[in-house]
Amino acid sequence: MTTYVIRDGKLVEKAKALQSDGPFFMRDIEPYESPITGLTITSRSHRREEMKRHDCIDARDLKGELRANGTRHRG
């Protein structure tokens, strides 16, 4: 079954609406205090470096992983 969405006031197929002709830009994260070191994290790259340095992973990366209690992590 085909799904439709509204783009620019017109009804178009969802698969076609998701296609992009240009680059996608994502704004950077808001600064926050690291729960590991207490330092201010100001960018995604800074966050990645901090997590790698302290051997940490993002809980969202655990989605579907099996927990010790036998249930799956929902991420």
PDB file of N, CA and C in Angstrom:
ATOM      1  N   MET A   1       0.843  -1.174   0.000  1.00  0.00           N
ATOM      2  CA  MET A   1       0.000   0.000   0.000  1.00  0.00           C
ATOM      3  C   MET A   1       0.894   1.246   0.000  1.00  0.00           C
ATOM      4  N   THR A   2       0.599   2.171  -0.840  1.00  0.00           N
ATOM      5  CA  THR A   2       1.357   3.408  -0.961  1.00  0.00           C
ATOM      6  C   THR A   2       0.935   4.397   0.119  1.00  0.00           C
ATOM      7  N   THR A   3       1.931   5.044   0.729  1.00  0.00           N
ATOM      8  CA  THR A   3       1.671   6.062   1.743  1.00  0.00           C
ATOM      9  C   THR A   3       1.935   7.432   1.141  1.00  0.00           C
ATOM     10  N   TYR A   4       1.059   8.375   1.445  1.00  0.00           N
ATOM     11  CA  TYR A   4       1.189   9.735   0.922  1.00  0.00           C
ATOM     12  C   TYR A   4       1.402  10.729   2.059  1.00  0.00           C
ATOM     13  N   VAL A   5       2.109  11.811   1.756  1.00  0.00           N
ATOM     14  CA  VAL A   5       2.331  12.905   2.696  1.00  0.00           C
ATOM     15  C   VAL A   5       2.115  14.225   1.961  1.00  0.00           C
ATOM     16  N   ILE A   6       1.939  15.284   2.720  1.00  0.00           N
ATOM     17  CA  ILE A   6       1.761  16.607   2.109  1.00  0.00           C
ATOM     18  C   ILE A   6       3.085  17.358   2.144  1.00  0.00           C
ATOM     19  N   ARG A   7       3.547  17.786   1.000  1.00  0.00           N
ATOM     20  CA  ARG A   7       4.767  18.582   0.868  1.00  0.00           C
ATOM     21  C   ARG A   7       4.454  19.794  -0.001  1.00  0.00           C
ATOM     22  N   ASP A   8       4.719  20.973   0.510  1.00  0.00           N
ATOM     23  CA  ASP A   8       4.449  22.223  -0.206  1.00  0.00           C
ATOM     24  C   ASP A   8       3.000  22.308  -0.663  1.00  0.00           C
ATOM     25  N   GLY A   9       2.085  21.809   0.179  1.00  0.00           N
ATOM     26  CA  GLY A   9       0.661  21.881  -0.127  1.00  0.00           C
ATOM     27  C   GLY A   9       0.170  20.856  -1.120  1.00  0.00           C
ATOM     28  N   LYS A  10       1.027  19.912  -1.516  1.00  0.00           N
ATOM     29  CA  LYS A  10       0.640  18.891  -2.490  1.00  0.00           C
ATOM     30  C   LYS A  10       0.770  17.505  -1.870  1.00  0.00           C
ATOM     31  N   LEU A  11      -0.094  16.599  -2.296  1.00  0.00           N
ATOM     32  CA  LEU A  11      -0.056  15.220  -1.843  1.00  0.00           C
ATOM     33  C   LEU A  11       0.931  14.447  -2.717  1.00  0.00           C
ATOM     34  N   VAL A  12       1.995  13.890  -2.095  1.00  0.00           N
ATOM     35  CA  VAL A  12       3.013  13.150  -2.841  1.00  0.00           C
ATOM     36  C   VAL A  12       3.310  11.823  -2.147  1.00  0.00           C
ATOM     37  N   GLU A  13       3.841  10.858  -2.909  1.00  0.00           N
ATOM     38  CA  GLU A  13       4.223   9.586  -2.315  1.00  0.00           C
ATOM     39  C   GLU A  13       5.334   9.819  -1.301  1.00  0.00           C
ATOM     40  N   LYS A  14       5.236   9.148  -0.160  1.00  0.00           N
ATOM     41  CA  LYS A  14       6.201   9.348   0.918  1.00  0.00           C
ATOM     42  C   LYS A  14       7.626   9.041   0.454  1.00  0.00           C
ATOM     43  N   ALA A  15       7.800   7.969  -0.317  1.00  0.00           N
ATOM     44  CA  ALA A  15       9.137   7.594  -0.789  1.00  0.00           C
ATOM     45  C   ALA A  15       9.766   8.715  -1.611  1.00  0.00           C
ATOM     46  N   LYS A  16       8.977   9.404  -2.412  1.00  0.00           N
ATOM     47  CA  LYS A  16       9.498  10.504  -3.224  1.00  0.00           C
ATOM     48  C   LYS A  16       9.718  11.760  -2.392  1.00  0.00           C
ATOM     49  N   ALA A  17       8.899  11.949  -1.369  1.00  0.00           N
ATOM     50  CA  ALA A  17       9.011  13.140  -0.521  1.00  0.00           C
ATOM     51  C   ALA A  17      10.283  13.125   0.308  1.00  0.00           C
ATOM     52  N   LEU A  18      10.798  11.938   0.596  1.00  0.00           N
ATOM     53  CA  LEU A  18      11.993  11.822   1.427  1.00  0.00           C
ATOM     54  C   LEU A  18      13.281  12.035   0.653  1.00  0.00           C
ATOM     55  N   GLN A  19      13.205  12.024  -0.659  1.00  0.00           N
ATOM     56  CA  GLN A  19      14.403  12.226  -1.464  1.00  0.00           C
ATOM     57  C   GLN A  19      14.843  13.678  -1.370  1.00  0.00           C
ATOM     58  N   SER A  20      16.149  13.869  -1.294  1.00  0.00           N
ATOM     59  CA  SER A  20      16.691  15.214  -1.162  1.00  0.00           C
ATOM     60  C   SER A  20      17.611  15.527  -2.337  1.00  0.00           C
ATOM     61  N   ASP A  21      17.545  16.752  -2.800  1.00  0.00           N
ATOM     62  CA  ASP A  21      18.415  17.178  -3.894  1.00  0.00           C
ATOM     63  C   ASP A  21      19.695  17.825  -3.395  1.00  0.00           C
ATOM     64  N   GLY A  22      19.790  18.030  -2.100  1.00  0.00           N
ATOM     65  CA  GLY A  22      20.958  18.718  -1.569  1.00  0.00           C
ATOM     66  C   GLY A  22      21.438  18.099  -0.280  1.00  0.00           C
ATOM     67  N   PRO A  23      22.445  18.712   0.317  1.00  0.00           N
ATOM     68  CA  PRO A  23      22.996  18.180   1.563  1.00  0.00           C
ATOM     69  C   PRO A  23      22.034  18.366   2.730  1.00  0.00           C
ATOM     70  N   PHE A  24      22.203  17.536   3.726  1.00  0.00           N
ATOM     71  CA  PHE A  24      21.409  17.614   4.944  1.00  0.00           C
ATOM     72  C   PHE A  24      22.293  18.180   6.038  1.00  0.00           C
ATOM     73  N   PHE A  25      21.815  19.189   6.727  1.00  0.00           N
ATOM     74  CA  PHE A  25      22.578  19.807   7.807  1.00  0.00           C
ATOM     75  C   PHE A  25      21.887  19.561   9.135  1.00  0.00           C
ATOM     76  N   MET A  26      22.657  19.156  10.128  1.00  0.00           N
ATOM     77  CA  MET A  26      22.138  18.955  11.467  1.00  0.00           C
ATOM     78  C   MET A  26      22.865  19.924  12.383  1.00  0.00           C
ATOM     79  N   ARG A  27      22.098  20.672  13.151  1.00  0.00           N
ATOM     80  CA  ARG A  27      22.761  21.627  14.034  1.00  0.00           C
ATOM     81  C   ARG A  27      23.473  20.884  15.157  1.00  0.00           C
ATOM     82  N   ASP A  28      24.434  21.532  15.744  1.00  0.00           N
ATOM     83  CA  ASP A  28      25.222  20.914  16.799  1.00  0.00           C
ATOM     84  C   ASP A  28      24.414  20.852  18.088  1.00  0.00           C
ATOM     85  N   ILE A  29      24.916  20.103  19.045  1.00  0.00           N
ATOM     86  CA  ILE A  29      24.219  19.924  20.316  1.00  0.00           C
ATOM     87  C   ILE A  29      24.383  21.157  21.196  1.00  0.00           C
ATOM     88  N   GLU A  30      23.468  21.319  22.118  1.00  0.00           N
ATOM     89  CA  GLU A  30      23.580  22.383  23.108  1.00  0.00           C
ATOM     90  C   GLU A  30      24.649  21.965  24.123  1.00  0.00           C
ATOM     91  N   PRO A  31      25.464  22.884  24.598  1.00  0.00           N
ATOM     92  CA  PRO A  31      26.479  22.538  25.595  1.00  0.00           C
ATOM     93  C   PRO A  31      25.842  21.941  26.859  1.00  0.00           C
ATOM     94  N   TYR A  32      26.525  20.946  27.424  1.00  0.00           N
ATOM     95  CA  TYR A  32      26.051  20.338  28.664  1.00  0.00           C
ATOM     96  C   TYR A  32      27.244  19.875  29.483  1.00  0.00           C
ATOM     97  N   GLU A  33      27.021  19.625  30.758  1.00  0.00           N
ATOM     98  CA  GLU A  33      28.086  19.168  31.645  1.00  0.00           C
ATOM     99  C   GLU A  33      28.200  17.657  31.562  1.00  0.00           C
ATOM    100  N   SER A  34      29.408  17.182  31.312  1.00  0.00           N
ATOM    101  CA  SER A  34      29.636  15.748  31.224  1.00  0.00           C
ATOM    102  C   SER A  34      29.413  15.091  32.580  1.00  0.00           C
ATOM    103  N   PRO A  35      28.599  14.019  32.624  1.00  0.00           N
ATOM    104  CA  PRO A  35      28.418  13.317  33.892  1.00  0.00           C
ATOM    105  C   PRO A  35      29.658  12.518  34.289  1.00  0.00           C
ATOM    106  N   ILE A  36      30.604  12.367  33.374  1.00  0.00           N
ATOM    107  CA  ILE A  36      31.818  11.600  33.641  1.00  0.00           C
ATOM    108  C   ILE A  36      32.883  12.476  34.287  1.00  0.00           C
ATOM    109  N   THR A  37      33.158  13.621  33.665  1.00  0.00           N
ATOM    110  CA  THR A  37      34.265  14.474  34.118  1.00  0.00           C
ATOM    111  C   THR A  37      33.828  15.812  34.698  1.00  0.00           C
ATOM    112  N   GLY A  38      32.591  16.214  34.409  1.00  0.00           N
ATOM    113  CA  GLY A  38      32.136  17.522  34.869  1.00  0.00           C
ATOM    114  C   GLY A  38      32.514  18.644  33.918  1.00  0.00           C
ATOM    115  N   LEU A  39      33.254  18.343  32.852  1.00  0.00           N
ATOM    116  CA  LEU A  39      33.627  19.353  31.865  1.00  0.00           C
ATOM    117  C   LEU A  39      32.441  19.674  30.972  1.00  0.00           C
ATOM    118  N   THR A  40      32.460  20.842  30.361  1.00  0.00           N
ATOM    119  CA  THR A  40      31.395  21.230  29.454  1.00  0.00           C
ATOM    120  C   THR A  40      31.650  20.623  28.076  1.00  0.00           C
ATOM    121  N   ILE A  41      30.664  19.885  27.580  1.00  0.00           N
ATOM    122  CA  ILE A  41      30.734  19.298  26.242  1.00  0.00           C
ATOM    123  C   ILE A  41      30.041  20.279  25.306  1.00  0.00           C
ATOM    124  N   THR A  42      30.753  20.711  24.261  1.00  0.00           N
ATOM    125  CA  THR A  42      30.226  21.774  23.411  1.00  0.00           C
ATOM    126  C   THR A  42      29.928  21.343  21.978  1.00  0.00           C
ATOM    127  N   SER A  43      30.289  20.120  21.583  1.00  0.00           N
ATOM    128  CA  SER A  43      30.036  19.685  20.212  1.00  0.00           C
ATOM    129  C   SER A  43      29.914  18.163  20.161  1.00  0.00           C
ATOM    130  N   ARG A  44      29.396  17.663  19.046  1.00  0.00           N
ATOM    131  CA  ARG A  44      29.269  16.215  18.871  1.00  0.00           C
ATOM    132  C   ARG A  44      30.641  15.552  18.861  1.00  0.00           C
ATOM    133  N   SER A  45      31.602  16.182  18.224  1.00  0.00           N
ATOM    134  CA  SER A  45      32.941  15.589  18.177  1.00  0.00           C
ATOM    135  C   SER A  45      33.557  15.545  19.580  1.00  0.00           C
ATOM    136  N   HIS A  46      33.335  16.584  20.356  1.00  0.00           N
ATOM    137  CA  HIS A  46      33.827  16.614  21.737  1.00  0.00           C
ATOM    138  C   HIS A  46      33.166  15.483  22.543  1.00  0.00           C
ATOM    139  N   ARG A  47      31.874  15.278  22.325  1.00  0.00           N
ATOM    140  CA  ARG A  47      31.134  14.211  23.013  1.00  0.00           C
ATOM    141  C   ARG A  47      31.696  12.843  22.638  1.00  0.00           C
ATOM    142  N   ARG A  48      31.916  12.619  21.323  1.00  0.00           N
ATOM    143  CA  ARG A  48      32.480  11.336  20.870  1.00  0.00           C
ATOM    144  C   ARG A  48      33.839  11.083  21.499  1.00  0.00           C
ATOM    145  N   GLU A  49      34.702  12.104  21.516  1.00  0.00           N
ATOM    146  CA  GLU A  49      36.034  11.966  22.106  1.00  0.00           C
ATOM    147  C   GLU A  49      35.947  11.636  23.594  1.00  0.00           C
ATOM    148  N   GLU A  50      35.068  12.338  24.317  1.00  0.00           N
ATOM    149  CA  GLU A  50      34.887  12.112  25.743  1.00  0.00           C
ATOM    150  C   GLU A  50      34.409  10.681  26.024  1.00  0.00           C
ATOM    151  N   MET A  51      33.436  10.230  25.245  1.00  0.00           N
ATOM    152  CA  MET A  51      32.912   8.879  25.454  1.00  0.00           C
ATOM    153  C   MET A  51      33.953   7.820  25.111  1.00  0.00           C
ATOM    154  N   LYS A  52      34.701   8.048  24.038  1.00  0.00           N
ATOM    155  CA  LYS A  52      35.746   7.089  23.655  1.00  0.00           C
ATOM    156  C   LYS A  52      36.859   7.047  24.710  1.00  0.00           C
ATOM    157  N   ARG A  53      37.271   8.204  25.175  1.00  0.00           N
ATOM    158  CA  ARG A  53      38.341   8.303  26.158  1.00  0.00           C
ATOM    159  C   ARG A  53      37.999   7.548  27.444  1.00  0.00           C
ATOM    160  N   HIS A  54      36.720   7.526  27.803  1.00  0.00           N
ATOM    161  CA  HIS A  54      36.295   6.899  29.059  1.00  0.00           C
ATOM    162  C   HIS A  54      35.576   5.564  28.835  1.00  0.00           C
ATOM    163  N   ASP A  55      35.711   5.031  27.611  1.00  0.00           N
ATOM    164  CA  ASP A  55      35.144   3.727  27.264  1.00  0.00           C
ATOM    165  C   ASP A  55      33.648   3.652  27.559  1.00  0.00           C
ATOM    166  N   CYS A  56      32.906   4.666  27.112  1.00  0.00           N
ATOM    167  CA  CYS A  56      31.459   4.727  27.313  1.00  0.00           C
ATOM    168  C   CYS A  56      30.747   4.559  25.978  1.00  0.00           C
ATOM    169  N   ILE A  57      29.490   4.139  26.033  1.00  0.00           N
ATOM    170  CA  ILE A  57      28.671   4.050  24.824  1.00  0.00           C
ATOM    171  C   ILE A  57      27.345   4.739  25.079  1.00  0.00           C
ATOM    172  N   ASP A  58      26.714   5.163  23.998  1.00  0.00           N
ATOM    173  CA  ASP A  58      25.406   5.802  24.069  1.00  0.00           C
ATOM    174  C   ASP A  58      24.348   4.718  24.240  1.00  0.00           C
ATOM    175  N   ALA A  59      23.419   4.911  25.152  1.00  0.00           N
ATOM    176  CA  ALA A  59      22.366   3.924  25.403  1.00  0.00           C
ATOM    177  C   ALA A  59      21.541   3.655  24.146  1.00  0.00           C
ATOM    178  N   ARG A  60      21.444   4.646  23.253  1.00  0.00           N
ATOM    179  CA  ARG A  60      20.687   4.441  22.013  1.00  0.00           C
ATOM    180  C   ARG A  60      21.346   3.405  21.123  1.00  0.00           C
ATOM    181  N   ASP A  61      22.652   3.183  21.295  1.00  0.00           N
ATOM    182  CA  ASP A  61      23.354   2.176  20.505  1.00  0.00           C
ATOM    183  C   ASP A  61      23.081   0.760  21.015  1.00  0.00           C
ATOM    184  N   LEU A  62      22.412   0.633  22.139  1.00  0.00           N
ATOM    185  CA  LEU A  62      22.117  -0.671  22.729  1.00  0.00           C
ATOM    186  C   LEU A  62      20.772  -1.235  22.275  1.00  0.00           C
ATOM    187  N   LYS A  63      20.039  -0.499  21.469  1.00  0.00           N
ATOM    188  CA  LYS A  63      18.692  -0.918  21.081  1.00  0.00           C
ATOM    189  C   LYS A  63      18.718  -2.344  20.531  1.00  0.00           C
ATOM    190  N   GLY A  64      17.913  -3.194  21.126  1.00  0.00           N
ATOM    191  CA  GLY A  64      17.813  -4.577  20.682  1.00  0.00           C
ATOM    192  C   GLY A  64      18.809  -5.513  21.340  1.00  0.00           C
ATOM    193  N   GLU A  65      19.782  -4.971  22.068  1.00  0.00           N
ATOM    194  CA  GLU A  65      20.772  -5.825  22.740  1.00  0.00           C
ATOM    195  C   GLU A  65      20.120  -6.547  23.911  1.00  0.00           C
ATOM    196  N   LEU A  66      20.614  -7.736  24.187  1.00  0.00           N
ATOM    197  CA  LEU A  66      20.084  -8.534  25.284  1.00  0.00           C
ATOM    198  C   LEU A  66      20.698  -8.087  26.603  1.00  0.00           C
ATOM    199  N   ARG A  67      19.847  -7.820  27.592  1.00  0.00           N
ATOM    200  CA  ARG A  67      20.309  -7.420  28.921  1.00  0.00           C
ATOM    201  C   ARG A  67      20.605  -8.665  29.755  1.00  0.00           C
ATOM    202  N   ALA A  68      21.248  -8.458  30.896  1.00  0.00           N
ATOM    203  CA  ALA A  68      21.589  -9.561  31.789  1.00  0.00           C
ATOM    204  C   ALA A  68      20.328 -10.288  32.294  1.00  0.00           C
ATOM    205  N   ASN A  69      19.210  -9.553  32.421  1.00  0.00           N
ATOM    206  CA  ASN A  69      17.982 -10.166  32.926  1.00  0.00           C
ATOM    207  C   ASN A  69      17.173 -10.867  31.828  1.00  0.00           C
ATOM    208  N   GLY A  70      17.707 -10.914  30.608  1.00  0.00           N
ATOM    209  CA  GLY A  70      17.054 -11.622  29.525  1.00  0.00           C
ATOM    210  C   GLY A  70      16.114 -10.798  28.670  1.00  0.00           C
ATOM    211  N   THR A  71      15.885  -9.537  29.046  1.00  0.00           N
ATOM    212  CA  THR A  71      15.017  -8.671  28.237  1.00  0.00           C
ATOM    213  C   THR A  71      15.852  -7.904  27.227  1.00  0.00           C
ATOM    214  N   ARG A  72      15.212  -7.376  26.234  1.00  0.00           N
ATOM    215  CA  ARG A  72      15.903  -6.578  25.198  1.00  0.00           C
ATOM    216  C   ARG A  72      15.886  -5.120  25.559  1.00  0.00           C
ATOM    217  N   HIS A  73      17.007  -4.442  25.330  1.00  0.00           N
ATOM    218  CA  HIS A  73      17.102  -2.995  25.561  1.00  0.00           C
ATOM    219  C   HIS A  73      16.299  -2.283  24.501  1.00  0.00           C
ATOM    220  N   ARG A  74      15.469  -1.321  24.896  1.00  0.00           N
ATOM    221  CA  ARG A  74      14.621  -0.594  23.954  1.00  0.00           C
ATOM    222  C   ARG A  74      15.290   0.642  23.386  1.00  0.00           C
ATOM    223  N   GLY A  75      16.433   1.023  23.922  1.00  0.00           N
ATOM    224  CA  GLY A  75      17.177   2.157  23.398  1.00  0.00           C
ATOM    225  C   GLY A  75      16.434   3.399  23.531  1.00  0.00           C
TER     226      GLY A  75
END
